Protein backbone atom coordinates (compact mmCIF):
# COMPACT_ATOMS: atom_id res chain seq x y z
CA UNK A 1 101.99 115.81 -11.93
CA UNK A 2 102.19 115.49 -8.14
CA UNK A 3 99.26 117.81 -7.41
CA UNK A 4 97.36 115.10 -5.53
CA UNK A 5 99.97 113.39 -3.39
CA UNK A 6 99.05 110.60 -0.99
CA UNK A 7 98.77 111.60 2.66
CA UNK A 8 101.90 112.14 4.70
CA UNK A 9 102.67 109.59 7.41
CA UNK A 10 103.53 111.41 10.67
CA UNK A 11 104.37 108.17 12.51
CA UNK A 12 106.92 107.23 9.83
CA UNK A 13 108.44 110.72 9.72
CA UNK A 14 108.79 110.67 13.52
CA UNK A 15 110.61 107.33 13.34
CA UNK A 16 112.98 108.62 10.66
CA UNK A 17 113.74 111.75 12.67
CA UNK A 18 114.82 109.37 15.42
CA UNK A 19 117.01 107.53 12.90
CA UNK A 20 118.81 110.78 12.05
CA UNK A 21 119.49 111.49 15.73
CA UNK A 22 120.56 107.89 16.35
CA UNK A 23 123.01 108.06 13.47
CA UNK A 24 124.54 111.25 14.88
CA UNK A 25 124.90 109.59 18.29
CA UNK A 26 126.54 106.48 16.85
CA UNK A 27 128.97 108.45 14.74
CA UNK A 28 129.98 110.62 17.70
CA UNK A 29 131.08 107.39 19.41
CA UNK A 30 132.58 105.65 16.38
CA UNK A 31 133.34 108.45 13.94
CA UNK A 32 135.94 106.46 11.97
CA UNK A 33 133.60 103.52 11.34
CA UNK A 34 130.76 104.28 8.91
CA UNK A 35 127.58 102.44 9.74
CA UNK A 36 126.88 99.43 7.49
CA UNK A 37 123.57 99.36 5.66
CA UNK A 38 122.44 96.38 7.74
CA UNK A 39 122.78 98.42 10.95
CA UNK A 40 120.71 101.23 9.43
CA UNK A 41 117.99 98.80 8.38
CA UNK A 42 117.94 97.23 11.85
CA UNK A 43 117.59 100.58 13.63
CA UNK A 44 114.98 101.81 11.15
CA UNK A 45 113.08 98.62 11.90
CA UNK A 46 113.26 99.26 15.66
CA UNK A 47 112.12 102.88 15.38
CA UNK A 48 109.30 102.16 12.94
CA UNK A 49 108.08 99.33 15.15
CA UNK A 50 108.02 101.69 18.15
CA UNK A 51 105.90 104.24 16.23
CA UNK A 52 103.70 101.90 14.20
CA UNK A 53 99.92 102.42 14.45
CA UNK A 54 98.20 99.50 16.19
CA UNK A 55 96.38 98.24 13.11
CA UNK A 56 99.63 97.65 11.17
CA UNK A 57 102.40 95.06 11.45
CA UNK A 58 106.04 95.28 10.33
CA UNK A 59 107.51 92.39 8.34
CA UNK A 60 111.19 92.87 7.38
CA UNK A 61 112.92 91.14 4.48
CA UNK A 62 109.91 90.02 2.45
CA UNK A 63 110.32 88.52 -0.99
CA UNK A 64 109.13 90.81 -3.77
CA UNK A 65 107.42 87.86 -5.44
CA UNK A 66 105.16 87.63 -2.36
CA UNK A 67 104.15 91.30 -2.65
CA UNK A 68 102.43 91.09 -6.03
CA UNK A 69 99.31 89.14 -7.02
CA UNK A 70 100.03 85.57 -8.16
CA UNK A 71 99.13 86.39 -11.76
CA UNK A 72 101.22 89.55 -11.91
CA UNK A 73 102.90 90.46 -15.24
CA UNK A 74 106.31 89.00 -16.03
CA UNK A 75 108.11 92.35 -15.81
CA UNK A 76 107.79 92.44 -12.03
CA UNK A 77 110.91 92.51 -9.81
CA UNK A 78 113.19 89.43 -9.76
CA UNK A 79 111.77 86.58 -7.70
CA UNK A 80 114.84 86.42 -5.42
CA UNK A 81 114.79 90.13 -4.50
CA UNK A 82 113.78 91.06 -0.97
CA UNK A 83 112.28 94.32 0.29
CA UNK A 84 113.99 95.66 3.41
CA UNK A 85 110.81 96.69 5.28
CA UNK A 86 107.19 95.85 4.55
CA UNK A 87 104.26 97.16 6.59
CA UNK A 88 100.98 95.27 6.30
CA UNK A 89 97.54 95.16 7.81
CA UNK A 90 97.06 92.78 10.74
CA UNK A 91 95.77 90.08 8.40
CA UNK A 92 99.40 89.47 7.43
CA UNK A 93 99.78 87.54 10.71
CA UNK A 94 97.39 84.90 9.38
CA UNK A 95 99.10 84.73 5.97
CA UNK A 96 102.69 84.58 7.22
CA UNK A 97 105.90 85.88 5.65
CA UNK A 98 106.06 83.04 3.11
CA UNK A 99 102.50 83.56 1.86
CA UNK A 100 101.31 86.04 -0.73
CA UNK A 101 100.99 89.42 1.00
CA UNK A 102 99.85 91.45 -2.02
CA UNK A 103 96.37 92.15 -0.63
CA UNK A 104 97.61 93.28 2.81
CA UNK A 105 100.90 95.09 2.06
CA UNK A 106 100.47 98.84 2.53
CA UNK A 107 104.03 100.25 2.61
CA UNK A 108 107.12 98.73 1.00
CA UNK A 109 110.47 100.36 1.81
CA UNK A 110 114.08 100.01 0.78
CA UNK A 111 116.85 101.51 2.92
CA UNK A 112 119.99 102.80 1.21
CA UNK A 113 123.12 104.57 2.43
CA UNK A 114 123.57 108.02 0.94
CA UNK A 115 127.04 107.09 -0.30
CA UNK A 116 125.65 104.28 -2.44
CA UNK A 117 126.29 104.80 -6.14
CA UNK A 118 123.70 106.54 -8.27
CA UNK A 119 123.24 103.26 -10.13
CA UNK A 120 122.35 101.35 -6.93
CA UNK A 121 119.91 104.05 -5.87
CA UNK A 122 118.34 104.02 -9.34
CA UNK A 123 118.03 100.24 -9.19
CA UNK A 124 116.06 100.48 -5.94
CA UNK A 125 113.80 103.18 -7.40
CA UNK A 126 113.21 101.11 -10.53
CA UNK A 127 112.47 97.96 -8.53
CA UNK A 128 110.03 99.83 -6.32
CA UNK A 129 108.29 101.29 -9.34
CA UNK A 130 107.95 97.83 -10.89
CA UNK A 131 106.32 96.65 -7.69
CA UNK A 132 104.05 99.70 -7.53
CA UNK A 133 102.77 99.04 -11.05
CA UNK A 134 101.87 95.43 -10.26
CA UNK A 135 100.78 95.69 -6.63
CA UNK A 136 97.49 96.35 -4.85
CA UNK A 137 96.27 99.94 -5.50
CA UNK A 138 96.65 100.83 -1.81
CA UNK A 139 100.32 99.81 -1.63
CA UNK A 140 102.82 102.67 -1.42
CA UNK A 141 106.56 102.39 -2.09
CA UNK A 142 109.40 104.36 -0.50
CA UNK A 143 113.16 104.66 -0.59
CA UNK A 144 114.71 105.72 2.72
CA UNK A 145 118.08 107.36 2.01
CA UNK A 146 120.39 107.73 5.03
CA UNK A 147 123.29 110.18 4.69
CA UNK A 148 126.07 110.37 7.26
CA UNK A 149 127.28 113.95 7.62
CA UNK A 150 126.31 115.37 4.23
CA UNK A 151 123.32 116.62 2.27
CA UNK A 152 122.50 114.52 -0.83
CA UNK A 153 122.45 117.04 -3.69
CA UNK A 154 120.02 115.00 -5.76
CA UNK A 155 117.37 115.16 -3.06
CA UNK A 156 118.18 118.14 -0.79
CA UNK A 157 119.01 121.80 -1.46
CA UNK A 158 119.99 124.25 1.28
CA UNK A 159 118.86 121.80 3.94
CA UNK A 160 115.38 121.35 2.43
CA UNK A 161 113.77 118.68 0.31
CA UNK A 162 113.81 119.17 -3.45
CA UNK A 163 110.06 118.99 -3.99
CA UNK A 164 109.77 118.81 -7.76
CA UNK A 165 108.88 115.42 -9.28
CA UNK A 166 111.93 113.64 -10.68
CA UNK A 167 111.82 110.90 -13.32
CA UNK A 168 112.87 107.32 -12.66
CA UNK A 169 115.21 105.96 -15.30
CA UNK A 170 113.50 103.80 -17.94
CA UNK A 171 110.14 104.08 -16.16
CA UNK A 172 106.85 105.87 -16.71
CA UNK A 173 106.65 106.99 -13.08
CA UNK A 174 108.55 109.46 -10.94
CA UNK A 175 109.60 110.06 -7.35
CA UNK A 176 109.23 112.91 -4.90
CA UNK A 177 111.09 113.66 -1.69
CA UNK A 178 108.31 113.73 0.89
CA UNK A 179 110.46 114.75 3.88
CA UNK A 180 114.12 115.31 4.71
CA UNK A 181 114.80 114.82 8.40
CA UNK A 182 118.14 115.99 9.75
CA UNK A 183 120.27 116.11 12.87
CA UNK A 184 122.87 118.87 13.00
CA UNK A 185 125.28 120.21 15.61
CA UNK A 186 124.02 123.73 14.85
CA UNK A 187 121.30 125.37 12.77
CA UNK A 188 123.92 126.61 10.31
CA UNK A 189 125.43 123.16 9.81
CA UNK A 190 123.14 122.18 6.95
CA UNK A 191 125.86 120.70 4.76
CA UNK A 192 127.39 118.57 7.51
CA UNK A 193 124.13 117.41 9.10
CA UNK A 194 122.97 113.82 9.08
CA UNK A 195 120.01 113.40 6.71
CA UNK A 196 117.30 110.81 6.32
CA UNK A 197 115.28 111.40 3.16
CA UNK A 198 111.87 109.80 2.69
CA UNK A 199 111.41 109.39 -1.07
CA UNK A 200 108.10 108.15 -2.45
CA UNK A 201 107.84 106.36 -5.78
CA UNK A 202 104.72 107.42 -7.68
CA UNK A 203 102.82 106.39 -10.77
CA UNK A 204 102.60 108.69 -13.74
CA UNK A 205 99.85 111.24 -13.14
């Protein structure tokens, strides 16, 4: 399991490193006001857009029902659910946000605050896995976990990603932490650093 992982995405990792630094900057100005999830999604959108390869387009807030083929199985994600960030090939411009993007969607991402409950994080992982099972074979699914001033024990140990495959509740697939980007006041401040974890949802090997 996990021996043949999909390629890493340097442009995405670079954008998420910027998100970690941005979060540290914002919290140094407004340390008593935790950033809402909407602000994290908006800044992730800005940074990904700035680093996106030219042949791809970013389409935020896409309906899950538009990310699977029209005849997809009934167990797919709820029709009213929206994915935070969807990256497609340029053909998506011709289809439009309200059209079916299943054939052109390449990366589907949910953004979650690190202090979200385990249940909410699991729900995102489960939803992404449901999409992965029904989507185009080239589509990849990610959870971006943003942690303000702490290391998420489920995903990070001693400042580094926990690399072993971890099961997704009630699913046949698993997830792996592909990268953990951090911004810290000092090298020794691993526990109090700001972390952005890039977690990929994967099919059963």
